[in-house]
N, C-alpha and C. Protein backbone atom coordinates (compact mmCIF):
# COMPACT_ATOMS: atom_id res chain seq x y z
N UNK A 1 -20.38 45.23 19.84
CA UNK A 1 -20.51 43.58 19.61
C UNK A 1 -19.38 42.99 19.21
N UNK A 2 -18.86 41.73 19.58
CA UNK A 2 -17.66 40.88 19.15
C UNK A 2 -17.87 40.68 17.72
N UNK A 3 -16.77 40.89 17.11
CA UNK A 3 -16.42 40.31 15.68
C UNK A 3 -16.52 38.77 15.47
N UNK A 4 -17.44 38.53 14.64
CA UNK A 4 -17.47 36.94 14.50
C UNK A 4 -16.40 36.33 13.74
N UNK A 5 -15.76 35.15 14.49
CA UNK A 5 -14.70 34.75 13.93
C UNK A 5 -15.08 33.94 12.76
N UNK A 6 -13.84 33.83 11.82
CA UNK A 6 -13.86 33.12 10.58
C UNK A 6 -12.79 32.29 10.20
N UNK A 7 -13.40 30.89 9.88
CA UNK A 7 -12.52 30.03 9.70
C UNK A 7 -12.52 29.66 8.37
N UNK A 8 -11.13 29.26 7.88
CA UNK A 8 -11.27 28.58 6.17
C UNK A 8 -11.16 27.11 6.60
N UNK A 9 -11.94 26.58 5.65
CA UNK A 9 -11.97 24.97 5.75
C UNK A 9 -11.55 24.33 4.42
N UNK A 10 -10.50 23.76 4.30
CA UNK A 10 -9.77 23.28 3.12
C UNK A 10 -10.17 21.76 2.50
N UNK A 11 -10.79 21.64 1.93
CA UNK A 11 -11.32 20.20 1.37
C UNK A 11 -10.59 19.82 0.28
N UNK A 12 -10.68 18.29 -0.14
CA UNK A 12 -9.56 17.74 -0.91
C UNK A 12 -10.38 16.88 -1.92
N UNK A 13 -11.88 17.06 -2.05
CA UNK A 13 -12.70 16.12 -2.73
C UNK A 13 -13.62 15.67 -1.92
N UNK A 14 -14.44 14.75 -2.31
CA UNK A 14 -15.59 14.17 -1.79
C UNK A 14 -15.79 12.67 -1.67
N UNK A 15 -15.17 12.10 -0.31
CA UNK A 15 -15.28 10.92 -0.31
C UNK A 15 -14.00 10.44 0.58
N UNK A 16 -14.00 9.56 1.35
CA UNK A 16 -12.87 9.14 2.06
C UNK A 16 -11.63 8.52 1.37
N UNK A 17 -12.05 7.80 0.31
CA UNK A 17 -10.77 7.20 -0.57
C UNK A 17 -10.09 7.89 -1.51
N UNK A 18 -10.62 9.08 -1.86
CA UNK A 18 -10.20 9.90 -2.97
C UNK A 18 -10.23 11.47 -2.99
N UNK A 19 -10.78 11.81 -1.63
CA UNK A 19 -11.12 13.08 -1.16
C UNK A 19 -11.15 13.23 0.28
N UNK A 20 -12.18 14.43 0.51
CA UNK A 20 -12.25 14.59 1.94
C UNK A 20 -13.21 13.27 2.45
N UNK A 21 -12.96 13.45 3.93
CA UNK A 21 -13.83 12.18 4.67
C UNK A 21 -15.09 13.11 4.77
N UNK A 22 -16.33 12.73 4.57
CA UNK A 22 -17.53 13.43 4.41
C UNK A 22 -17.95 13.71 5.94
N UNK A 23 -17.82 12.79 6.96
CA UNK A 23 -18.17 13.03 8.16
C UNK A 23 -17.38 13.95 8.67
N UNK A 24 -16.19 13.96 8.59
CA UNK A 24 -15.10 14.53 9.19
C UNK A 24 -15.42 16.07 8.75
N UNK A 25 -15.78 16.33 7.33
CA UNK A 25 -15.62 17.75 6.70
C UNK A 25 -16.94 18.28 7.45
N UNK A 26 -18.41 17.71 7.21
CA UNK A 26 -19.54 18.10 7.81
C UNK A 26 -19.49 18.25 9.09
N UNK A 27 -19.07 17.57 9.91
CA UNK A 27 -19.09 17.74 11.30
C UNK A 27 -18.13 18.90 11.85
N UNK A 28 -17.04 19.13 11.35
CA UNK A 28 -16.28 20.26 11.35
C UNK A 28 -17.12 21.49 11.17
N UNK A 29 -17.87 21.45 9.92
CA UNK A 29 -18.54 22.89 9.65
C UNK A 29 -19.68 23.18 10.37
N UNK A 30 -20.19 22.07 10.87
CA UNK A 30 -21.40 22.07 11.97
C UNK A 30 -20.63 22.39 13.38
N UNK A 31 -19.64 22.07 13.72
CA UNK A 31 -18.77 22.32 14.89
C UNK A 31 -18.71 24.00 14.87
N UNK A 32 -18.10 24.36 13.60
CA UNK A 32 -17.90 25.81 13.58
C UNK A 32 -18.92 26.72 13.75
N UNK A 33 -19.95 26.36 12.84
CA UNK A 33 -21.37 27.13 13.21
C UNK A 33 -21.93 26.99 14.55
N UNK A 34 -21.87 25.80 15.26
CA UNK A 34 -22.47 25.70 16.51
C UNK A 34 -21.89 26.42 17.58
N UNK A 35 -20.44 26.50 17.12
CA UNK A 35 -19.76 27.46 18.21
C UNK A 35 -19.55 29.21 18.02
N UNK A 36 -20.46 29.38 17.01
CA UNK A 36 -20.79 30.70 16.68
C UNK A 36 -19.84 31.43 15.76
N UNK A 37 -19.15 30.61 14.97
CA UNK A 37 -18.22 31.38 14.07
C UNK A 37 -18.84 31.21 12.57
N UNK A 38 -18.10 31.63 11.65
CA UNK A 38 -18.24 31.48 10.45
C UNK A 38 -17.41 30.67 9.38
N UNK A 39 -17.66 29.87 8.39
CA UNK A 39 -16.49 29.34 7.65
C UNK A 39 -16.66 29.45 6.21
N UNK A 40 -15.86 29.57 5.53
CA UNK A 40 -15.62 29.77 4.10
C UNK A 40 -14.78 28.34 3.41
N UNK A 41 -15.31 27.83 2.63
CA UNK A 41 -14.41 26.60 2.01
C UNK A 41 -13.57 26.81 0.89
N UNK A 42 -12.74 26.11 0.87
CA UNK A 42 -11.71 26.28 -0.14
C UNK A 42 -11.34 24.98 -0.55
N UNK A 43 -10.58 24.86 -1.81
CA UNK A 43 -10.22 23.57 -2.53
C UNK A 43 -9.32 23.73 -3.67
N UNK A 44 -8.36 22.77 -3.92
CA UNK A 44 -7.48 23.19 -5.21
C UNK A 44 -8.27 23.07 -6.57
N UNK A 45 -8.18 23.82 -7.43
CA UNK A 45 -8.69 23.62 -8.83
C UNK A 45 -7.98 22.73 -9.48
N UNK A 46 -7.95 21.64 -9.40
CA UNK A 46 -7.23 20.53 -10.16
C UNK A 46 -7.49 19.02 -10.02
N UNK A 47 -7.19 18.44 -11.30
CA UNK A 47 -7.71 17.13 -11.57
C UNK A 47 -7.36 16.28 -10.02
N UNK A 48 -8.19 15.42 -9.65
CA UNK A 48 -7.83 14.52 -8.24
C UNK A 48 -7.02 13.46 -8.73
N UNK A 49 -6.21 12.68 -7.98
CA UNK A 49 -5.26 11.69 -8.54
C UNK A 49 -5.94 10.77 -9.06
N UNK A 50 -6.95 10.14 -8.42
CA UNK A 50 -7.89 9.17 -9.23
C UNK A 50 -9.20 9.32 -8.63
N UNK A 51 -9.92 8.15 -9.13
CA UNK A 51 -11.44 8.12 -8.78
C UNK A 51 -11.63 6.74 -8.30
N UNK A 52 -12.04 6.53 -6.90
CA UNK A 52 -12.42 5.18 -6.06
C UNK A 52 -13.84 4.95 -6.06
N UNK A 53 -14.32 3.88 -6.49
CA UNK A 53 -15.64 3.54 -6.42
C UNK A 53 -15.73 3.13 -4.92
N UNK A 54 -16.58 3.80 -4.13
CA UNK A 54 -16.55 3.81 -2.79
C UNK A 54 -17.27 2.56 -2.28
N UNK A 55 -18.12 1.83 -3.34
CA UNK A 55 -18.78 0.38 -3.15
C UNK A 55 -18.03 -0.35 -3.01
N UNK A 56 -17.15 -0.51 -3.85
CA UNK A 56 -16.06 -1.95 -4.31
C UNK A 56 -14.97 -1.50 -3.74
N UNK A 57 -14.53 -0.26 -3.51
CA UNK A 57 -12.96 0.20 -3.27
C UNK A 57 -12.14 0.20 -4.56
N UNK A 58 -12.68 -0.05 -5.52
CA UNK A 58 -11.68 -0.23 -6.69
C UNK A 58 -11.82 1.07 -7.39
N UNK A 59 -10.49 1.04 -8.41
CA UNK A 59 -10.34 2.44 -9.08
C UNK A 59 -11.37 2.14 -10.15
N UNK A 60 -11.85 3.52 -10.52
CA UNK A 60 -12.78 3.70 -11.90
C UNK A 60 -11.94 4.35 -12.65
N UNK A 61 -12.25 4.17 -13.97
CA UNK A 61 -11.76 4.87 -15.18
C UNK A 61 -12.34 6.41 -15.55
N UNK A 62 -12.30 7.08 -14.56
CA UNK A 62 -12.90 8.45 -14.63
C UNK A 62 -11.78 9.44 -14.13
N UNK A 63 -12.03 10.85 -14.69
CA UNK A 63 -11.46 11.89 -14.19
C UNK A 63 -12.66 12.86 -13.68
N UNK A 64 -12.02 13.40 -12.24
CA UNK A 64 -12.75 14.21 -11.62
C UNK A 64 -11.71 15.41 -11.21
N UNK A 65 -12.38 16.45 -10.88
CA UNK A 65 -11.79 17.70 -10.40
C UNK A 65 -11.98 18.02 -9.09
N UNK A 66 -11.13 18.10 -8.11
CA UNK A 66 -11.08 18.27 -6.70
C UNK A 66 -12.02 19.46 -6.03
N UNK A 67 -11.82 20.69 -6.88
CA UNK A 67 -12.74 21.66 -6.60
C UNK A 67 -14.05 21.10 -6.91
N UNK A 68 -14.68 20.72 -7.87
CA UNK A 68 -16.03 20.39 -8.24
C UNK A 68 -16.29 19.36 -7.23
N UNK A 69 -15.58 18.33 -7.11
CA UNK A 69 -16.02 17.33 -6.14
C UNK A 69 -16.33 18.03 -4.72
N UNK A 70 -15.46 18.66 -4.22
CA UNK A 70 -15.26 19.27 -2.89
C UNK A 70 -16.91 20.07 -2.75
N UNK A 71 -17.10 20.57 -3.92
CA UNK A 71 -18.40 21.54 -3.90
C UNK A 71 -19.61 20.58 -3.66
N UNK A 72 -19.70 19.36 -3.97
CA UNK A 72 -20.82 18.47 -3.41
C UNK A 72 -21.07 18.68 -2.00
N UNK A 73 -19.78 18.71 -1.12
CA UNK A 73 -19.92 18.87 0.31
C UNK A 73 -20.85 19.80 0.94
N UNK A 74 -20.53 21.06 0.17
CA UNK A 74 -20.86 22.28 0.77
C UNK A 74 -21.98 23.17 -0.07
N UNK A 75 -22.62 22.13 -0.78
CA UNK A 75 -23.83 22.85 -1.67
C UNK A 75 -23.09 23.68 -2.72
N UNK A 76 -21.92 23.78 -3.26
CA UNK A 76 -21.57 24.68 -4.22
C UNK A 76 -20.72 25.87 -3.60
N UNK A 77 -21.10 26.06 -2.42
CA UNK A 77 -20.56 27.28 -1.68
C UNK A 77 -18.95 27.10 -1.23
N UNK A 78 -18.26 27.35 -2.72
CA UNK A 78 -16.66 26.83 -2.24
C UNK A 78 -15.88 27.87 -3.27
N UNK A 79 -14.86 28.08 -2.69
CA UNK A 79 -13.54 28.95 -3.86
C UNK A 79 -12.47 28.21 -4.11
N UNK A 80 -11.87 28.65 -5.26
CA UNK A 80 -10.58 27.79 -5.34
C UNK A 80 -9.88 28.26 -4.25
N UNK A 81 -8.79 27.42 -3.80
CA UNK A 81 -7.65 27.52 -2.94
C UNK A 81 -6.69 28.80 -3.12
N UNK A 82 -6.77 29.03 -4.65
CA UNK A 82 -5.94 29.98 -5.05
C UNK A 82 -6.45 31.58 -4.33
N UNK A 83 -7.67 31.47 -4.19
CA UNK A 83 -8.30 32.79 -3.66
C UNK A 83 -7.97 32.92 -2.24
N UNK A 84 -7.50 32.22 -1.44
CA UNK A 84 -7.35 32.20 -0.04
C UNK A 84 -6.32 33.19 0.46
N UNK A 85 -6.82 34.05 1.33
CA UNK A 85 -5.99 35.45 1.76
C UNK A 85 -6.08 35.24 3.42
N UNK A 86 -4.90 35.03 4.09
CA UNK A 86 -4.72 34.64 5.49
C UNK A 86 -5.36 35.95 6.14
N UNK A 87 -5.35 36.93 5.75
CA UNK A 87 -5.70 38.34 6.35
C UNK A 87 -7.42 38.36 6.68
N UNK A 88 -8.03 37.43 5.65
CA UNK A 88 -9.57 37.72 5.74
C UNK A 88 -10.08 36.40 6.74
N UNK A 89 -9.15 35.77 7.54
CA UNK A 89 -9.41 34.61 8.24
C UNK A 89 -8.86 34.45 9.68
N UNK A 90 -9.44 33.68 10.59
CA UNK A 90 -8.77 33.80 12.05
C UNK A 90 -8.05 32.52 12.20
N UNK A 91 -8.40 31.48 11.16
CA UNK A 91 -7.60 29.98 11.40
C UNK A 91 -8.05 29.59 10.08
N UNK A 92 -7.55 28.34 9.95
CA UNK A 92 -7.71 27.29 8.99
C UNK A 92 -7.85 26.01 9.37
N UNK A 93 -8.82 25.16 8.73
CA UNK A 93 -8.78 23.93 9.34
C UNK A 93 -8.70 22.76 8.16
N UNK A 94 -8.15 21.77 8.30
CA UNK A 94 -8.18 20.73 7.24
C UNK A 94 -8.96 19.44 7.69
N UNK A 95 -9.66 19.19 7.25
CA UNK A 95 -10.37 17.66 7.60
C UNK A 95 -9.66 16.69 6.81
N UNK A 96 -9.97 15.40 7.41
CA UNK A 96 -9.13 14.34 6.55
C UNK A 96 -9.69 13.56 5.44
N UNK A 97 -9.35 12.36 5.17
CA UNK A 97 -9.61 11.60 4.14
C UNK A 97 -8.24 11.52 3.21
N UNK A 98 -8.49 10.41 2.29
CA UNK A 98 -7.15 10.13 1.53
C UNK A 98 -6.81 11.28 0.81
N UNK A 99 -7.87 12.19 0.14
CA UNK A 99 -7.55 13.24 -0.70
C UNK A 99 -6.31 14.01 0.11
N UNK A 100 -6.29 14.22 1.39
CA UNK A 100 -5.33 15.00 1.91
C UNK A 100 -3.86 14.45 1.59
N UNK A 101 -3.85 13.05 1.31
CA UNK A 101 -2.38 12.38 1.00
C UNK A 101 -2.35 12.02 -0.39
N UNK A 102 -3.35 12.53 -1.34
CA UNK A 102 -3.21 12.08 -2.68
C UNK A 102 -3.62 13.07 -3.49
N UNK A 103 -4.49 14.12 -3.04
CA UNK A 103 -4.47 15.30 -3.78
C UNK A 103 -3.89 16.69 -3.24
N UNK A 104 -4.14 17.01 -2.19
CA UNK A 104 -3.47 17.91 -1.21
C UNK A 104 -1.69 17.99 -1.30
N UNK A 105 -1.74 16.61 -1.31
CA UNK A 105 0.02 16.10 -1.24
C UNK A 105 0.04 14.79 -2.07
N UNK A 106 1.25 14.15 -1.97
CA UNK A 106 1.48 12.59 -2.30
C UNK A 106 1.92 11.75 -1.37
N UNK A 107 1.58 12.27 -0.08
CA UNK A 107 2.00 11.69 1.15
C UNK A 107 1.49 9.98 0.94
N UNK A 108 0.43 9.68 0.26
CA UNK A 108 0.03 8.16 0.11
C UNK A 108 0.86 7.56 -0.68
N UNK A 109 1.77 7.99 -1.32
CA UNK A 109 2.75 7.35 -2.21
C UNK A 109 4.15 7.63 -1.91
N UNK A 110 4.43 8.73 -1.24
CA UNK A 110 5.93 9.00 -0.71
C UNK A 110 6.08 9.03 0.64
N UNK A 111 5.15 9.15 1.52
CA UNK A 111 5.26 9.24 2.93
C UNK A 111 6.20 10.42 3.13
N UNK A 112 7.27 10.32 3.88
CA UNK A 112 8.12 11.57 4.44
C UNK A 112 8.60 12.25 3.23
N UNK A 113 8.93 11.65 2.07
CA UNK A 113 9.45 12.29 0.85
C UNK A 113 8.38 12.92 0.04
N UNK A 114 7.24 13.09 0.67
CA UNK A 114 5.84 13.80 -0.11
C UNK A 114 6.21 15.28 -0.60
N UNK A 115 5.61 15.54 -1.64
CA UNK A 115 5.63 16.95 -1.78
C UNK A 115 4.03 17.53 -1.44
N UNK A 116 4.04 18.89 -1.02
CA UNK A 116 2.85 18.98 -0.80
C UNK A 116 2.36 20.23 -1.94
N UNK A 117 0.94 20.09 -2.21
CA UNK A 117 0.56 20.89 -3.36
C UNK A 117 0.79 22.33 -3.26
N UNK A 118 1.38 23.10 -4.25
CA UNK A 118 1.75 24.54 -4.05
C UNK A 118 0.54 25.30 -3.37
N UNK A 119 -0.51 25.27 -3.36
CA UNK A 119 -1.25 26.15 -3.25
C UNK A 119 -1.63 25.75 -1.59
N UNK A 120 -1.63 24.62 -1.16
CA UNK A 120 -1.72 24.05 -0.11
C UNK A 120 -0.77 24.58 0.98
N UNK A 121 0.56 24.29 0.37
CA UNK A 121 2.02 24.72 0.88
C UNK A 121 1.73 26.45 1.20
N UNK A 122 1.61 27.27 0.35
CA UNK A 122 1.20 28.39 0.50
C UNK A 122 0.11 28.72 1.47
N UNK A 123 -1.27 28.43 1.48
CA UNK A 123 -2.07 28.30 2.67
C UNK A 123 -1.46 28.27 3.94
N UNK A 124 -0.90 27.09 4.23
CA UNK A 124 -0.33 26.76 5.70
C UNK A 124 0.77 27.89 5.84
N UNK A 125 1.86 27.96 5.19
CA UNK A 125 2.74 29.04 5.44
C UNK A 125 2.37 30.33 5.68
N UNK A 126 1.26 31.24 4.72
CA UNK A 126 1.21 32.42 5.17
C UNK A 126 0.03 32.43 6.44
N UNK A 127 -0.82 31.54 6.88
CA UNK A 127 -1.37 31.50 7.95
C UNK A 127 -0.42 31.35 9.24
N UNK A 128 0.71 30.26 9.06
CA UNK A 128 1.51 30.35 9.96
C UNK A 128 1.98 31.27 10.21
N UNK A 129 2.57 32.11 9.15
CA UNK A 129 3.43 33.45 9.48
C UNK A 129 2.57 34.50 9.84
N UNK A 130 1.35 34.58 9.65
CA UNK A 130 0.45 35.37 10.31
C UNK A 130 0.18 35.23 11.85
N UNK A 131 0.73 34.26 12.35
CA UNK A 131 0.76 33.66 13.89
C UNK A 131 -0.87 32.98 14.22
N UNK A 132 -1.59 32.42 13.19
CA UNK A 132 -3.04 32.23 13.16
C UNK A 132 -3.20 30.78 13.41
N UNK A 133 -4.05 30.24 14.13
CA UNK A 133 -4.15 28.51 14.42
C UNK A 133 -4.40 27.77 13.30
N UNK A 134 -3.82 26.62 13.20
CA UNK A 134 -4.16 25.61 11.97
C UNK A 134 -4.69 24.61 12.84
N UNK A 135 -5.87 23.92 12.31
CA UNK A 135 -6.44 22.62 12.90
C UNK A 135 -6.27 21.75 11.67
N UNK A 136 -6.07 20.35 12.12
CA UNK A 136 -5.86 19.32 10.97
C UNK A 136 -6.61 17.80 11.62
N UNK A 137 -7.48 17.15 11.05
CA UNK A 137 -8.08 15.97 11.28
C UNK A 137 -7.47 14.87 10.58
N UNK A 138 -7.55 13.49 11.33
CA UNK A 138 -7.28 12.31 10.67
C UNK A 138 -5.95 12.28 10.10
N UNK A 139 -5.53 12.32 8.75
CA UNK A 139 -4.32 12.11 8.06
C UNK A 139 -3.71 13.58 7.89
N UNK A 140 -4.80 14.70 7.78
CA UNK A 140 -4.21 15.83 7.45
C UNK A 140 -3.08 16.41 8.13
N UNK A 141 -2.85 16.13 9.40
CA UNK A 141 -1.77 16.36 10.03
C UNK A 141 -0.30 16.21 9.23
N UNK A 142 -0.27 15.26 8.17
CA UNK A 142 0.83 15.09 7.68
C UNK A 142 1.33 16.47 6.87
N UNK A 143 0.39 17.24 6.40
CA UNK A 143 0.47 18.20 5.78
C UNK A 143 1.53 19.33 6.70
N UNK A 144 1.13 19.34 7.85
CA UNK A 144 1.73 20.46 8.81
C UNK A 144 3.01 19.84 9.05
N UNK A 145 2.95 18.64 9.32
CA UNK A 145 4.47 17.86 9.58
C UNK A 145 5.53 18.51 8.54
N UNK A 146 5.00 18.24 7.00
CA UNK A 146 5.81 18.35 5.98
C UNK A 146 6.36 20.05 5.80
N UNK A 147 5.25 20.65 5.87
CA UNK A 147 5.42 22.42 5.90
C UNK A 147 6.09 22.96 6.85
N UNK A 148 5.68 22.50 8.23
CA UNK A 148 6.29 23.27 9.43
C UNK A 148 7.53 22.63 10.06
N UNK A 149 7.36 21.13 9.89
CA UNK A 149 8.55 20.32 10.51
C UNK A 149 8.50 20.10 11.83
N UNK A 150 8.96 21.11 12.76
CA UNK A 150 9.07 21.06 14.16
C UNK A 150 7.98 21.39 14.79
N UNK A 151 7.10 20.39 14.71
CA UNK A 151 5.86 20.66 15.33
C UNK A 151 5.41 19.45 16.23
N UNK A 152 4.62 19.79 17.03
CA UNK A 152 3.90 18.48 17.93
C UNK A 152 2.35 18.22 17.54
N UNK A 153 2.08 17.03 17.07
CA UNK A 153 0.84 16.60 16.30
C UNK A 153 0.36 15.25 16.63
N UNK A 154 -0.68 14.79 16.17
CA UNK A 154 -1.17 13.52 16.29
C UNK A 154 -1.90 12.88 14.87
N UNK A 155 -1.70 11.57 14.72
CA UNK A 155 -2.66 10.95 13.67
C UNK A 155 -3.20 9.74 14.49
N UNK A 156 -2.90 9.56 15.83
CA UNK A 156 -3.69 8.54 16.67
C UNK A 156 -2.78 7.68 17.19
N UNK A 157 -2.79 6.31 16.78
CA UNK A 157 -1.57 5.33 16.99
C UNK A 157 -1.10 4.28 16.16
N UNK A 158 -1.19 4.63 14.79
CA UNK A 158 -0.66 3.69 13.71
C UNK A 158 0.64 3.90 13.71
N UNK A 159 1.53 2.96 13.85
CA UNK A 159 3.00 3.03 14.00
C UNK A 159 3.37 3.31 12.96
N UNK A 160 3.17 3.00 11.74
CA UNK A 160 4.01 2.94 10.68
C UNK A 160 3.80 4.56 10.02
N UNK A 161 2.51 5.14 10.24
CA UNK A 161 2.29 6.52 9.93
C UNK A 161 3.18 7.41 10.83
N UNK A 162 3.16 6.92 12.09
CA UNK A 162 4.24 7.88 13.22
C UNK A 162 5.47 7.82 12.77
N UNK A 163 6.21 6.81 12.45
CA UNK A 163 7.30 6.77 12.31
C UNK A 163 7.54 7.66 10.89
N UNK A 164 6.81 7.61 9.98
CA UNK A 164 7.04 8.21 8.96
C UNK A 164 7.04 9.94 9.11
N UNK A 165 5.95 10.29 10.17
CA UNK A 165 5.88 11.88 10.56
C UNK A 165 7.05 12.14 11.16
N UNK A 166 7.56 11.07 11.86
CA UNK A 166 8.69 11.91 12.70
C UNK A 166 9.98 11.96 11.96
N UNK A 167 10.00 11.29 10.86
CA UNK A 167 11.02 11.65 9.75
C UNK A 167 11.32 12.94 9.18
N UNK A 168 10.05 13.50 9.24
CA UNK A 168 9.88 15.25 8.60
C UNK A 168 10.36 15.90 9.87
N UNK A 169 10.72 15.61 11.02
CA UNK A 169 11.14 16.37 12.12
C UNK A 169 10.02 16.76 13.22
N UNK A 170 8.85 16.35 12.88
CA UNK A 170 7.85 16.47 13.79
C UNK A 170 7.82 15.64 15.03
N UNK A 171 7.29 15.92 15.91
CA UNK A 171 7.04 15.00 17.13
C UNK A 171 5.63 14.64 17.24
N UNK A 172 5.50 13.19 17.31
CA UNK A 172 3.97 12.72 17.33
C UNK A 172 3.69 12.37 18.64
N UNK A 173 2.62 12.64 19.12
CA UNK A 173 2.04 12.21 20.33
C UNK A 173 0.57 11.15 20.30
N UNK A 174 0.68 9.86 20.50
CA UNK A 174 -0.37 8.82 20.48
C UNK A 174 -1.77 9.53 21.50
N UNK A 175 -2.81 9.43 20.71
CA UNK A 175 -3.96 9.74 21.42
C UNK A 175 -5.18 8.63 21.00
N UNK A 176 -6.25 9.04 21.69
CA UNK A 176 -7.67 8.21 21.61
C UNK A 176 -8.54 9.05 20.88
N UNK A 177 -10.05 8.56 20.92
CA UNK A 177 -10.92 9.02 20.19
C UNK A 177 -11.13 10.43 20.98
N UNK A 178 -11.45 11.36 20.16
CA UNK A 178 -11.53 12.73 20.47
C UNK A 178 -10.62 13.63 21.12
N UNK A 179 -9.60 12.92 21.28
CA UNK A 179 -8.44 13.55 21.92
C UNK A 179 -7.62 14.53 21.04
N UNK A 180 -7.12 15.68 21.68
CA UNK A 180 -6.63 16.78 20.79
C UNK A 180 -5.16 16.90 21.21
N UNK A 181 -4.23 17.40 20.15
CA UNK A 181 -2.95 17.65 20.67
C UNK A 181 -2.74 19.48 20.29
N UNK A 182 -2.41 20.07 21.04
CA UNK A 182 -2.37 21.20 21.10
C UNK A 182 -0.82 21.80 21.05
N UNK A 183 -0.50 22.18 19.81
CA UNK A 183 1.19 22.78 20.05
C UNK A 183 0.94 24.15 20.12
N UNK A 184 1.10 24.84 21.22
CA UNK A 184 0.86 26.22 21.41
C UNK A 184 2.09 27.19 20.89
N UNK A 185 3.18 26.64 20.67
CA UNK A 185 4.49 27.25 19.85
C UNK A 185 3.93 27.46 18.63
N UNK A 186 3.36 26.60 17.93
CA UNK A 186 3.23 26.60 16.50
C UNK A 186 1.79 27.11 16.12
N UNK A 187 0.91 27.01 17.28
CA UNK A 187 -0.52 27.18 16.90
C UNK A 187 -0.97 26.30 16.22
N UNK A 188 -0.88 24.79 16.30
CA UNK A 188 -1.53 23.84 15.73
C UNK A 188 -2.37 22.90 16.66
N UNK A 189 -3.50 22.35 15.94
CA UNK A 189 -4.40 21.51 16.84
C UNK A 189 -4.80 20.17 15.87
N UNK A 190 -4.71 19.20 16.43
CA UNK A 190 -4.82 18.08 15.66
C UNK A 190 -5.51 16.88 16.42
N UNK A 191 -6.14 16.05 15.74
CA UNK A 191 -6.98 15.12 16.30
C UNK A 191 -7.22 13.82 15.24
N UNK A 192 -7.04 12.41 15.90
CA UNK A 192 -7.08 11.50 14.89
C UNK A 192 -8.41 10.77 14.17
N UNK A 193 -9.63 11.07 14.85
CA UNK A 193 -10.73 10.78 13.92
C UNK A 193 -10.47 9.37 13.25
N UNK A 194 -10.66 9.11 11.99
CA UNK A 194 -10.81 7.93 11.53
C UNK A 194 -9.55 7.26 11.36
N UNK A 195 -8.47 7.91 11.57
CA UNK A 195 -7.11 6.94 11.80
C UNK A 195 -7.56 6.13 12.53
N UNK A 196 -8.34 6.29 13.83
CA UNK A 196 -8.66 5.27 14.68
C UNK A 196 -10.01 4.46 14.37
N UNK A 197 -10.30 3.34 14.84
CA UNK A 197 -11.50 2.67 14.41
C UNK A 197 -12.80 3.65 15.24
N UNK A 198 -13.34 4.64 14.39
CA UNK A 198 -14.32 5.34 15.27
C UNK A 198 -15.65 5.42 14.76
N UNK A 199 -16.65 5.79 15.43
CA UNK A 199 -18.04 5.96 15.38
C UNK A 199 -18.26 7.15 15.07
N UNK A 200 -19.25 7.75 14.22
CA UNK A 200 -19.61 9.12 13.94
C UNK A 200 -19.51 10.10 15.07
N UNK A 201 -19.99 9.56 16.19
CA UNK A 201 -20.31 10.23 17.29
C UNK A 201 -18.75 10.83 17.82
N UNK A 202 -18.11 9.72 17.94
CA UNK A 202 -16.43 9.99 18.45
C UNK A 202 -15.89 10.99 17.13
N UNK A 203 -16.32 11.04 15.99
CA UNK A 203 -15.79 11.93 14.95
C UNK A 203 -16.18 13.24 15.19
N UNK A 204 -17.43 13.41 15.61
CA UNK A 204 -18.13 14.58 15.79
C UNK A 204 -17.50 15.25 17.40
N UNK A 205 -16.99 14.58 18.21
CA UNK A 205 -16.52 14.98 19.56
C UNK A 205 -15.04 15.40 19.09
N UNK A 206 -14.32 14.65 18.26
CA UNK A 206 -12.94 14.87 17.79
C UNK A 206 -13.07 16.42 16.71
N UNK A 207 -14.01 16.51 16.16
CA UNK A 207 -14.41 17.75 15.22
C UNK A 207 -14.35 19.01 16.33
N UNK A 208 -15.49 18.74 17.06
CA UNK A 208 -15.79 19.73 18.12
C UNK A 208 -14.74 20.16 18.95
N UNK A 209 -13.96 19.07 19.46
CA UNK A 209 -12.61 19.86 20.32
C UNK A 209 -11.64 20.61 19.65
N UNK A 210 -11.44 19.87 18.19
CA UNK A 210 -10.43 20.68 17.40
C UNK A 210 -10.99 22.17 17.28
N UNK A 211 -12.32 22.43 16.95
CA UNK A 211 -12.79 23.75 16.62
C UNK A 211 -12.93 24.64 17.80
N UNK A 212 -13.19 24.12 19.02
CA UNK A 212 -13.13 24.69 20.33
C UNK A 212 -11.66 25.32 20.48
N UNK A 213 -10.67 24.40 20.43
CA UNK A 213 -9.38 24.87 20.88
C UNK A 213 -8.87 25.77 19.76
N UNK A 214 -9.05 25.61 18.52
CA UNK A 214 -8.66 26.72 17.39
C UNK A 214 -9.55 28.12 17.80
N UNK A 215 -10.61 28.17 17.86
CA UNK A 215 -11.42 29.41 18.50
C UNK A 215 -10.78 29.99 19.72
N UNK A 216 -10.32 28.95 20.64
CA UNK A 216 -9.63 29.52 21.79
C UNK A 216 -8.26 30.11 21.59
N UNK A 217 -7.72 29.78 20.69
CA UNK A 217 -6.63 30.06 20.42
C UNK A 217 -6.40 31.44 19.39
N UNK A 218 -7.63 31.93 18.81
CA UNK A 218 -7.51 32.93 18.02
C UNK A 218 -7.42 34.16 18.75
């Protein structure tokens, strides 16, 4: 009997403005399960950059933890990213949301001069070195651009973000809803999701296509 493929999913909090985008996260997990694979979720055990009221869009005077907030999405079934070991998984996927640009990195504030959280950088580097595929949705491909550099990827068609990405040495390819860019040399699969004005159905299509391409590359 064929071995079940295992994918690590890295979250960055809970909620589009200060953490993981919930639709992208849940639909990625659904697509993994639907396509017969298994997932385990991880997040850095760290304070998140800030807390946003998702009703008003305003910053709140609160402090929250990225791992604790990410646990909301997966009913508590999550581990610190420091526990991630590439040998236990066939691939890694990063859903989007501003948490990727505020918690997993400081891209939201520094653009191409951003620093990647050390645990996130380690996760990407060890997976890449092991020759295993990495998927990224929405804004999270910027993590791959910073860590890997010479890569082909997409965040859709936002001109300012494209310009910033290409300053890292990565090559950007414009895409529409549900489309994926597959960098076969580096084993990277990316899709724009809510970087475009998307419906939840289109997010589901993008997540499904990323997962399908990732599993096909394992």
